[in-house]
Amino acid sequence: MELRWRRERVNLVTLPEVAADVLRICDEGGIRVLALDGAMGAGKTTFVRAMAQELGVRDEVASPTFGLINVYSAADGARIHHMDWYRVSDERELWDAGVPELLDSGDRCWVEWPERAEGLFPAGAGVLRIDVAGSDEERVVSLFSA
């Protein structure tokens, strides 16, 4: 993986700017599928919420832990598929839910807990790594491309 971008000292105040930067870099690099990597409580869903707000999503953005996939509409009408694979028991469950087709659809797909089925990600997917920094309120956010 190649580091494309990194920002330290990310907090709730700087989050909208950081989310906008990540979206811009993904758009410039043709990254439509983004795997969000980080420990429990690192802020993956919070980051998804910030990106969705930057794209004009008006729906409530919440973790789809139990429903597997939430679909949002951006202000321009584009679809965003927000997935949470934390409770996925095996890759077959994702196949049955049609996830491979979504990942190949060209729509934005943001996946929390991607390590549950890394083999499903298409070429060109990005990885957004969120690490807790020195204090509980700060994060280091890194964007990688394959």
C-alpha atoms as a PDB file:
ATOM      1  CA  MET A   1       0.000   0.000   0.000  1.00  0.00           C
ATOM      2  CA  GLU A   2       1.107   3.506  -0.771  1.00  0.00           C
ATOM      3  CA  LEU A   3       0.537   6.391   1.636  1.00  0.00           C
ATOM      4  CA  ARG A   4      -1.374   9.079  -0.268  1.00  0.00           C
ATOM      5  CA  TRP A   5      -2.131  11.521   2.545  1.00  0.00           C
ATOM      6  CA  ARG A   6      -1.820  11.850   6.322  1.00  0.00           C
ATOM      7  CA  ARG A   7      -3.113  14.307   8.891  1.00  0.00           C
ATOM      8  CA  GLU A   8      -2.240  14.400  12.583  1.00  0.00           C
ATOM      9  CA  ARG A   9      -4.120  16.030  15.439  1.00  0.00           C
ATOM     10  CA  VAL A  10      -7.549  15.472  13.905  1.00  0.00           C
ATOM     11  CA  ASN A  11     -10.398  16.312  16.267  1.00  0.00           C
ATOM     12  CA  LEU A  12     -14.096  17.111  16.009  1.00  0.00           C
ATOM     13  CA  VAL A  13     -13.313  20.727  15.099  1.00  0.00           C
ATOM     14  CA  THR A  14     -10.997  19.826  12.200  1.00  0.00           C
ATOM     15  CA  LEU A  15     -13.005  16.775  11.098  1.00  0.00           C
ATOM     16  CA  PRO A  16     -15.125  18.483   8.385  1.00  0.00           C
ATOM     17  CA  GLU A  17     -11.990  19.868   6.695  1.00  0.00           C
ATOM     18  CA  VAL A  18     -10.230  16.504   6.931  1.00  0.00           C
ATOM     19  CA  ALA A  19     -13.272  14.664   5.530  1.00  0.00           C
ATOM     20  CA  ALA A  20     -13.373  17.127   2.609  1.00  0.00           C
ATOM     21  CA  ASP A  21      -9.661  16.531   1.957  1.00  0.00           C
ATOM     22  CA  VAL A  22     -10.127  12.750   1.935  1.00  0.00           C
ATOM     23  CA  LEU A  23     -13.086  12.998  -0.444  1.00  0.00           C
ATOM     24  CA  ARG A  24     -11.125  15.288  -2.782  1.00  0.00           C
ATOM     25  CA  ILE A  25      -8.130  12.935  -2.845  1.00  0.00           C
ATOM     26  CA  CYS A  26     -10.380   9.920  -3.417  1.00  0.00           C
ATOM     27  CA  ASP A  27     -12.137  11.703  -6.286  1.00  0.00           C
ATOM     28  CA  GLU A  28      -8.840  12.761  -7.857  1.00  0.00           C
ATOM     29  CA  GLY A  29      -7.491   9.212  -7.571  1.00  0.00           C
ATOM     30  CA  GLY A  30     -10.660   7.464  -8.728  1.00  0.00           C
ATOM     31  CA  ILE A  31     -11.106   5.757  -5.347  1.00  0.00           C
ATOM     32  CA  ARG A  32     -14.784   4.787  -4.984  1.00  0.00           C
ATOM     33  CA  VAL A  33     -14.361   1.993  -2.409  1.00  0.00           C
ATOM     34  CA  LEU A  34     -12.856   2.962   0.914  1.00  0.00           C
ATOM     35  CA  ALA A  35     -12.007   0.504   3.692  1.00  0.00           C
ATOM     36  CA  LEU A  36     -12.050   2.223   7.094  1.00  0.00           C
ATOM     37  CA  ASP A  37      -9.519   0.632   9.402  1.00  0.00           C
ATOM     38  CA  GLY A  38      -9.156   1.373  13.101  1.00  0.00           C
ATOM     39  CA  ALA A  39      -9.727  -0.013  16.553  1.00  0.00           C
ATOM     40  CA  MET A  40     -13.134  -0.162  18.191  1.00  0.00           C
ATOM     41  CA  GLY A  41     -14.035   3.403  19.140  1.00  0.00           C
ATOM     42  CA  ALA A  42     -11.419   5.023  16.880  1.00  0.00           C
ATOM     43  CA  GLY A  43     -14.087   7.026  15.066  1.00  0.00           C
ATOM     44  CA  LYS A  44     -14.841   5.142  11.858  1.00  0.00           C
ATOM     45  CA  THR A  45     -18.569   5.883  11.921  1.00  0.00           C
ATOM     46  CA  THR A  46     -17.915   9.470  12.987  1.00  0.00           C
ATOM     47  CA  PHE A  47     -15.635   9.868   9.957  1.00  0.00           C
ATOM     48  CA  VAL A  48     -18.254   8.339   7.646  1.00  0.00           C
ATOM     49  CA  ARG A  49     -20.798  10.793   9.067  1.00  0.00           C
ATOM     50  CA  ALA A  50     -18.454  13.721   8.324  1.00  0.00           C
ATOM     51  CA  MET A  51     -17.841  12.564   4.737  1.00  0.00           C
ATOM     52  CA  ALA A  52     -21.574  12.074   4.205  1.00  0.00           C
ATOM     53  CA  GLN A  53     -22.281  15.578   5.486  1.00  0.00           C
ATOM     54  CA  GLU A  54     -19.654  16.972   3.104  1.00  0.00           C
ATOM     55  CA  LEU A  55     -21.536  15.292   0.246  1.00  0.00           C
ATOM     56  CA  GLY A  56     -24.854  16.765   1.371  1.00  0.00           C
ATOM     57  CA  VAL A  57     -26.438  13.619   2.819  1.00  0.00           C
ATOM     58  CA  ARG A  58     -29.510  14.677   4.763  1.00  0.00           C
ATOM     59  CA  ASP A  59     -30.363  11.282   6.282  1.00  0.00           C
ATOM     60  CA  GLU A  60     -29.142  10.242   9.700  1.00  0.00           C
ATOM     61  CA  VAL A  61     -25.794   8.474   9.327  1.00  0.00           C
ATOM     62  CA  ALA A  62     -25.388   5.629  11.794  1.00  0.00           C
ATOM     63  CA  SER A  63     -23.403   2.433  11.938  1.00  0.00           C
ATOM     64  CA  PRO A  64     -25.120  -0.385  10.029  1.00  0.00           C
ATOM     65  CA  THR A  65     -23.743  -2.993  12.422  1.00  0.00           C
ATOM     66  CA  PHE A  66     -26.967  -4.998  12.571  1.00  0.00           C
ATOM     67  CA  GLY A  67     -28.352  -4.181   9.122  1.00  0.00           C
ATOM     68  CA  LEU A  68     -24.982  -4.655   7.366  1.00  0.00           C
ATOM     69  CA  ILE A  69     -25.576  -1.897   4.769  1.00  0.00           C
ATOM     70  CA  ASN A  70     -27.037   1.610   4.944  1.00  0.00           C
ATOM     71  CA  VAL A  71     -27.620   3.479   1.702  1.00  0.00           C
ATOM     72  CA  TYR A  72     -27.535   7.263   1.584  1.00  0.00           C
ATOM     73  CA  SER A  73     -28.168   9.769  -1.189  1.00  0.00           C
ATOM     74  CA  ALA A  74     -25.702  12.598  -1.708  1.00  0.00           C
ATOM     75  CA  ALA A  75     -26.940  16.076  -2.660  1.00  0.00           C
ATOM     76  CA  ASP A  76     -26.199  15.286  -6.324  1.00  0.00           C
ATOM     77  CA  GLY A  77     -28.302  12.092  -6.153  1.00  0.00           C
ATOM     78  CA  ALA A  78     -25.309   9.725  -6.075  1.00  0.00           C
ATOM     79  CA  ARG A  79     -25.657   6.665  -3.860  1.00  0.00           C
ATOM     80  CA  ILE A  80     -23.337   5.890  -0.978  1.00  0.00           C
ATOM     81  CA  HIS A  81     -23.223   2.388   0.517  1.00  0.00           C
ATOM     82  CA  HIS A  82     -22.040   2.380   4.134  1.00  0.00           C
ATOM     83  CA  MET A  83     -21.213  -1.122   5.329  1.00  0.00           C
ATOM     84  CA  ASP A  84     -20.181  -2.500   8.686  1.00  0.00           C
ATOM     85  CA  TRP A  85     -18.783  -6.020   8.587  1.00  0.00           C
ATOM     86  CA  TYR A  86     -18.101  -6.343  12.327  1.00  0.00           C
ATOM     87  CA  ARG A  87     -20.746  -9.036  12.871  1.00  0.00           C
ATOM     88  CA  VAL A  88     -20.117 -10.894   9.596  1.00  0.00           C
ATOM     89  CA  SER A  89     -19.381 -14.524  10.309  1.00  0.00           C
ATOM     90  CA  ASP A  90     -17.997 -15.427   6.889  1.00  0.00           C
ATOM     91  CA  GLU A  91     -17.529 -14.082   3.391  1.00  0.00           C
ATOM     92  CA  ARG A  92     -20.516 -16.080   2.128  1.00  0.00           C
ATOM     93  CA  GLU A  93     -22.847 -13.821   4.108  1.00  0.00           C
ATOM     94  CA  LEU A  94     -21.537 -10.839   2.121  1.00  0.00           C
ATOM     95  CA  TRP A  95     -21.945 -12.678  -1.189  1.00  0.00           C
ATOM     96  CA  ASP A  96     -25.546 -13.521  -0.252  1.00  0.00           C
ATOM     97  CA  ALA A  97     -26.203  -9.838   0.528  1.00  0.00           C
ATOM     98  CA  GLY A  98     -24.906  -8.786  -2.907  1.00  0.00           C
ATOM     99  CA  VAL A  99     -21.887  -6.930  -1.541  1.00  0.00           C
ATOM    100  CA  PRO A 100     -19.509  -7.807  -4.421  1.00  0.00           C
ATOM    101  CA  GLU A 101     -21.919  -6.179  -6.884  1.00  0.00           C
ATOM    102  CA  LEU A 102     -22.090  -3.046  -4.727  1.00  0.00           C
ATOM    103  CA  LEU A 103     -18.302  -2.839  -4.495  1.00  0.00           C
ATOM    104  CA  ASP A 104     -18.098  -3.042  -8.295  1.00  0.00           C
ATOM    105  CA  SER A 105     -21.054  -0.698  -8.953  1.00  0.00           C
ATOM    106  CA  GLY A 106     -19.081   2.531  -9.237  1.00  0.00           C
ATOM    107  CA  ASP A 107     -21.028   3.978  -6.302  1.00  0.00           C
ATOM    108  CA  ARG A 108     -19.142   5.187  -3.248  1.00  0.00           C
ATOM    109  CA  CYS A 109     -18.756   2.296  -0.800  1.00  0.00           C
ATOM    110  CA  TRP A 110     -17.402   2.892   2.688  1.00  0.00           C
ATOM    111  CA  VAL A 111     -16.670  -0.262   4.686  1.00  0.00           C
ATOM    112  CA  GLU A 112     -16.031  -0.509   8.416  1.00  0.00           C
ATOM    113  CA  TRP A 113     -14.238  -3.653   9.685  1.00  0.00           C
ATOM    114  CA  PRO A 114     -12.913  -4.550   6.215  1.00  0.00           C
ATOM    115  CA  GLU A 115     -10.556  -7.219   7.541  1.00  0.00           C
ATOM    116  CA  ARG A 116     -13.542  -9.574   7.824  1.00  0.00           C
ATOM    117  CA  ALA A 117     -13.419 -10.131   4.041  1.00  0.00           C
ATOM    118  CA  GLU A 118     -10.415  -8.400   2.514  1.00  0.00           C
ATOM    119  CA  GLY A 119     -10.598 -10.593  -0.571  1.00  0.00           C
ATOM    120  CA  LEU A 120     -13.788  -8.897  -1.759  1.00  0.00           C
ATOM    121  CA  PHE A 121     -12.224  -5.484  -2.317  1.00  0.00           C
ATOM    122  CA  PRO A 122     -11.736  -4.488  -5.950  1.00  0.00           C
ATOM    123  CA  ALA A 123      -8.434  -3.230  -7.328  1.00  0.00           C
ATOM    124  CA  GLY A 124      -8.057   0.466  -6.660  1.00  0.00           C
ATOM    125  CA  ALA A 125      -9.810   0.437  -3.294  1.00  0.00           C
ATOM    126  CA  GLY A 126      -8.437   2.841  -0.714  1.00  0.00           C
ATOM    127  CA  VAL A 127      -7.752   2.322   2.969  1.00  0.00           C
ATOM    128  CA  LEU A 128      -8.456   5.032   5.505  1.00  0.00           C
ATOM    129  CA  ARG A 129      -6.602   4.286   8.738  1.00  0.00           C
ATOM    130  CA  ILE A 130      -7.745   6.052  11.921  1.00  0.00           C
ATOM    131  CA  ASP A 131      -5.450   5.835  14.936  1.00  0.00           C
ATOM    132  CA  VAL A 132      -6.014   7.283  18.390  1.00  0.00           C
ATOM    133  CA  ALA A 133      -3.310   9.872  19.006  1.00  0.00           C
ATOM    134  CA  GLY A 134      -1.873  11.206  22.266  1.00  0.00           C
ATOM    135  CA  SER A 135      -5.214  12.212  23.742  1.00  0.00           C
ATOM    136  CA  ASP A 136      -8.605  10.546  23.489  1.00  0.00           C
ATOM    137  CA  GLU A 137      -9.891  13.518  21.491  1.00  0.00           C
ATOM    138  CA  GLU A 138      -7.257  13.426  18.742  1.00  0.00           C
ATOM    139  CA  ARG A 139      -6.689  11.049  15.855  1.00  0.00           C
ATOM    140  CA  VAL A 140      -4.142  10.451  13.133  1.00  0.00           C
ATOM    141  CA  VAL A 141      -5.855   9.848   9.794  1.00  0.00           C
ATOM    142  CA  SER A 142      -3.945   8.227   6.917  1.00  0.00           C
ATOM    143  CA  LEU A 143      -5.174   7.446   3.406  1.00  0.00           C
ATOM    144  CA  PHE A 144      -3.546   4.611   1.476  1.00  0.00           C
ATOM    145  CA  SER A 145      -4.062   3.365  -2.051  1.00  0.00           C
ATOM    146  CA  ALA A 146      -3.380  -0.132  -3.298  1.00  0.00           C
END
